[in-house]
């Protein structure tokens, strides 16, 4: 049974960042294959990106059942032939659902996209994301990250510093991550930093490639 439309969640940031993110994805993603979205949240990105990134397929995922219901509801309103139903996926798990033999995809996973997660989750989530990307991505595959980052240990704006403080007040395990620490973890998992792109509201697109 499809989720009711009133299950849809809304994220104001999506309307602000989806066009700039789309432009970067169009430039860096492999031309075919499936893009696995980690921590899809409301599903607004999924229904926006999937039809615009054809012939690639888009596979949303989230560990939160409320988020998955929202994704299904958005899909019911804005269907796309290249958008899979959402799956449960917790990046901290040693084996992800997409690694199970029963997971059947039209195209293999060539890219992983993760928007606004690693600062609103424990550091173990970032470690799990990098480990999973090494296991799943083929050579040349892309890992795309979006969000605020510190650089050289310093915040890039006063608003990011305030945001970081507010995150840590909500949960001391959360916080804006240092770009150099993130890319060092990525390097240890055979992921090379290709480039960073300045984005709206003092965010960054971080593009990594599997060696």
Protein backbone atom coordinates (compact mmCIF):
# COMPACT_ATOMS: atom_id res chain seq x y z
CA UNK A 1 0.00 0.00 0.00
CA UNK A 2 1.42 3.43 -0.88
CA UNK A 3 1.94 5.87 1.94
CA UNK A 4 -0.69 8.63 2.13
CA UNK A 5 0.28 11.99 0.73
CA UNK A 6 0.01 13.56 4.18
CA UNK A 7 3.04 11.48 5.19
CA UNK A 8 5.18 13.90 3.18
CA UNK A 9 7.81 15.75 5.20
CA UNK A 10 9.23 19.10 4.11
CA UNK A 11 12.75 20.50 4.39
CA UNK A 12 13.06 24.21 3.49
CA UNK A 13 16.77 23.73 2.73
CA UNK A 14 15.91 21.42 -0.17
CA UNK A 15 14.35 24.19 -2.24
CA UNK A 16 17.45 26.32 -1.70
CA UNK A 17 20.09 23.73 -2.49
CA UNK A 18 18.61 21.28 -4.99
CA UNK A 19 19.45 23.22 -8.16
CA UNK A 20 23.11 23.88 -7.19
CA UNK A 21 23.52 20.25 -6.08
CA UNK A 22 21.97 19.02 -9.33
CA UNK A 23 24.46 21.07 -11.34
CA UNK A 24 27.40 19.45 -9.53
CA UNK A 25 25.92 15.96 -9.83
CA UNK A 26 25.38 16.39 -13.57
CA UNK A 27 29.05 17.33 -13.88
CA UNK A 28 30.60 14.58 -11.77
CA UNK A 29 28.38 11.49 -11.86
CA UNK A 30 29.14 8.58 -14.17
CA UNK A 31 26.81 8.68 -17.20
CA UNK A 32 24.93 5.50 -16.27
CA UNK A 33 24.32 3.23 -13.29
CA UNK A 34 22.47 3.60 -10.00
CA UNK A 35 23.06 6.41 -7.52
CA UNK A 36 22.56 5.24 -3.93
CA UNK A 37 21.36 8.12 -1.79
CA UNK A 38 22.32 7.75 1.87
CA UNK A 39 20.08 9.36 4.49
CA UNK A 40 17.47 10.58 2.02
CA UNK A 41 15.39 12.32 4.67
CA UNK A 42 12.13 13.76 3.37
CA UNK A 43 12.59 12.36 -0.15
CA UNK A 44 12.32 15.78 -1.80
CA UNK A 45 15.81 15.47 -3.25
CA UNK A 46 15.06 11.99 -4.58
CA UNK A 47 11.95 12.99 -6.52
CA UNK A 48 13.73 16.07 -7.87
CA UNK A 49 16.99 14.42 -8.93
CA UNK A 50 15.73 11.11 -10.34
CA UNK A 51 13.95 12.41 -13.47
CA UNK A 52 16.66 15.00 -14.11
CA UNK A 53 19.54 12.53 -13.94
CA UNK A 54 18.15 9.93 -16.35
CA UNK A 55 19.21 7.45 -17.64
CA UNK A 56 20.79 6.95 -14.22
CA UNK A 57 18.65 5.31 -11.54
CA UNK A 58 18.21 6.81 -8.06
CA UNK A 59 17.92 4.60 -4.96
CA UNK A 60 16.87 6.46 -1.78
CA UNK A 61 17.54 5.04 1.68
CA UNK A 62 17.04 6.00 5.30
CA UNK A 63 17.08 4.20 8.65
CA UNK A 64 14.10 6.25 9.88
CA UNK A 65 10.65 4.75 9.06
CA UNK A 66 9.04 8.21 9.13
CA UNK A 67 11.51 9.38 6.49
CA UNK A 68 10.89 6.31 4.36
CA UNK A 69 7.13 6.90 4.55
CA UNK A 70 7.71 10.48 3.44
CA UNK A 71 9.80 9.30 0.49
CA UNK A 72 7.05 6.87 -0.59
CA UNK A 73 4.46 9.64 -0.33
CA UNK A 74 6.52 12.02 -2.44
CA UNK A 75 7.03 9.25 -5.00
CA UNK A 76 3.27 8.74 -5.17
CA UNK A 77 2.83 12.39 -6.13
CA UNK A 78 5.92 12.73 -8.34
CA UNK A 79 6.66 9.29 -9.80
CA UNK A 80 9.68 8.57 -11.96
CA UNK A 81 10.60 5.44 -13.91
CA UNK A 82 14.17 5.74 -12.64
CA UNK A 83 13.35 6.15 -8.95
CA UNK A 84 13.43 3.05 -6.75
CA UNK A 85 11.32 2.66 -3.59
CA UNK A 86 13.28 3.61 -0.45
CA UNK A 87 15.18 0.99 1.49
CA UNK A 88 16.32 0.72 5.10
CA UNK A 89 20.04 1.45 5.40
CA UNK A 90 22.13 2.37 8.43
CA UNK A 91 25.65 3.27 7.34
CA UNK A 92 27.08 1.89 10.59
CA UNK A 93 26.01 -1.66 9.67
CA UNK A 94 28.82 -3.92 8.49
CA UNK A 95 26.70 -5.13 5.58
CA UNK A 96 24.26 -2.83 3.81
CA UNK A 97 21.00 -3.94 2.21
CA UNK A 98 22.39 -3.27 -1.26
CA UNK A 99 25.09 -5.89 -0.61
CA UNK A 100 22.54 -8.63 -0.02
CA UNK A 101 22.07 -11.11 -2.90
CA UNK A 102 18.31 -10.56 -2.92
CA UNK A 103 18.75 -6.87 -3.81
CA UNK A 104 18.03 -6.61 -7.53
CA UNK A 105 18.87 -3.36 -9.32
CA UNK A 106 18.36 -2.37 -12.95
CA UNK A 107 21.89 -0.97 -13.02
CA UNK A 108 24.86 -1.48 -10.66
CA UNK A 109 25.70 1.22 -8.12
CA UNK A 110 28.20 3.62 -9.63
CA UNK A 111 27.79 6.49 -7.19
CA UNK A 112 26.74 7.31 -3.63
CA UNK A 113 25.23 10.68 -2.69
CA UNK A 114 24.97 11.93 0.87
CA UNK A 115 23.47 15.34 1.66
CA UNK A 116 23.54 16.88 5.13
CA UNK A 117 24.24 13.78 7.20
CA UNK A 118 27.71 13.57 8.66
CA UNK A 119 27.32 16.68 10.83
CA UNK A 120 23.91 15.54 12.17
CA UNK A 121 25.08 12.08 13.21
CA UNK A 122 27.89 10.56 15.29
CA UNK A 123 31.38 10.37 13.81
CA UNK A 124 30.84 6.61 13.51
CA UNK A 125 28.32 7.36 10.74
CA UNK A 126 31.02 9.08 8.69
CA UNK A 127 33.34 6.13 9.28
CA UNK A 128 30.60 3.71 8.24
CA UNK A 129 29.83 5.73 5.12
CA UNK A 130 33.44 5.61 3.97
CA UNK A 131 33.77 1.90 4.71
CA UNK A 132 30.58 1.16 2.78
CA UNK A 133 31.69 3.29 -0.16
CA UNK A 134 34.92 1.30 -0.38
CA UNK A 135 33.01 -1.99 -0.35
CA UNK A 136 30.31 -1.01 -2.84
CA UNK A 137 31.75 1.44 -5.34
CA UNK A 138 33.69 0.12 -8.31
CA UNK A 139 36.96 1.69 -9.40
CA UNK A 140 36.13 5.15 -10.69
CA UNK A 141 32.86 5.30 -8.74
CA UNK A 142 31.87 8.60 -7.11
CA UNK A 143 31.03 9.49 -3.50
CA UNK A 144 29.33 12.89 -3.27
CA UNK A 145 29.00 14.74 0.06
CA UNK A 146 27.20 18.01 0.74
CA UNK A 147 27.09 20.10 3.87
CA UNK A 148 29.04 22.55 6.05
CA UNK A 149 32.69 21.78 6.77
CA UNK A 150 35.49 23.29 8.77
CA UNK A 151 38.70 23.78 6.81
CA UNK A 152 42.10 23.59 8.46
CA UNK A 153 40.28 23.28 11.76
CA UNK A 154 38.45 26.59 11.36
CA UNK A 155 34.85 27.42 10.53
CA UNK A 156 34.38 29.14 7.19
CA UNK A 157 31.71 31.52 8.52
CA UNK A 158 30.25 32.77 11.79
CA UNK A 159 26.90 31.19 10.87
CA UNK A 160 28.56 27.78 10.55
CA UNK A 161 30.21 28.27 13.95
CA UNK A 162 26.82 29.05 15.49
CA UNK A 163 25.25 26.08 13.72
CA UNK A 164 28.02 23.82 15.02
CA UNK A 165 27.38 25.01 18.57
CA UNK A 166 23.64 24.40 18.23
CA UNK A 167 24.26 20.88 16.91
CA UNK A 168 26.52 19.99 19.81
CA UNK A 169 23.95 21.30 22.28
CA UNK A 170 21.41 18.91 20.76
CA UNK A 171 23.85 16.00 20.79
CA UNK A 172 27.53 16.19 21.80
CA UNK A 173 28.34 13.52 19.16
CA UNK A 174 27.10 15.82 16.37
CA UNK A 175 28.98 18.75 14.86
CA UNK A 176 30.41 20.33 11.73
CA UNK A 177 33.28 18.11 10.59
CA UNK A 178 36.75 19.13 9.55
CA UNK A 179 37.19 18.58 5.83
CA UNK A 180 40.75 17.36 6.25
CA UNK A 181 39.68 14.73 8.80
CA UNK A 182 36.90 13.52 6.51
CA UNK A 183 39.17 13.25 3.49
CA UNK A 184 41.83 11.47 5.57
CA UNK A 185 39.27 8.82 6.52
CA UNK A 186 38.24 8.63 2.86
CA UNK A 187 41.85 8.16 1.73
CA UNK A 188 42.22 5.26 4.16
CA UNK A 189 39.26 3.64 2.39
CA UNK A 190 40.73 4.11 -1.11
CA UNK A 191 38.69 7.23 -1.89
CA UNK A 192 40.54 10.16 -3.43
CA UNK A 193 39.36 13.77 -3.18
CA UNK A 194 38.65 15.01 -6.71
CA UNK A 195 37.41 18.48 -5.90
CA UNK A 196 35.34 20.70 -3.64
CA UNK A 197 32.76 23.19 -4.89
CA UNK A 198 31.55 26.19 -2.91
CA UNK A 199 27.77 26.04 -2.46
CA UNK A 200 25.00 28.28 -1.06
CA UNK A 201 24.80 29.10 2.65
CA UNK A 202 28.50 28.36 3.28
CA UNK A 203 28.20 24.69 2.35
CA UNK A 204 30.52 22.58 0.23
CA UNK A 205 30.14 19.85 -2.34
CA UNK A 206 32.89 17.29 -1.76
CA UNK A 207 33.54 14.87 -4.62
CA UNK A 208 35.52 11.70 -3.93
CA UNK A 209 36.43 8.89 -6.33
CA UNK A 210 37.05 5.21 -5.61
CA UNK A 211 40.55 4.08 -6.53
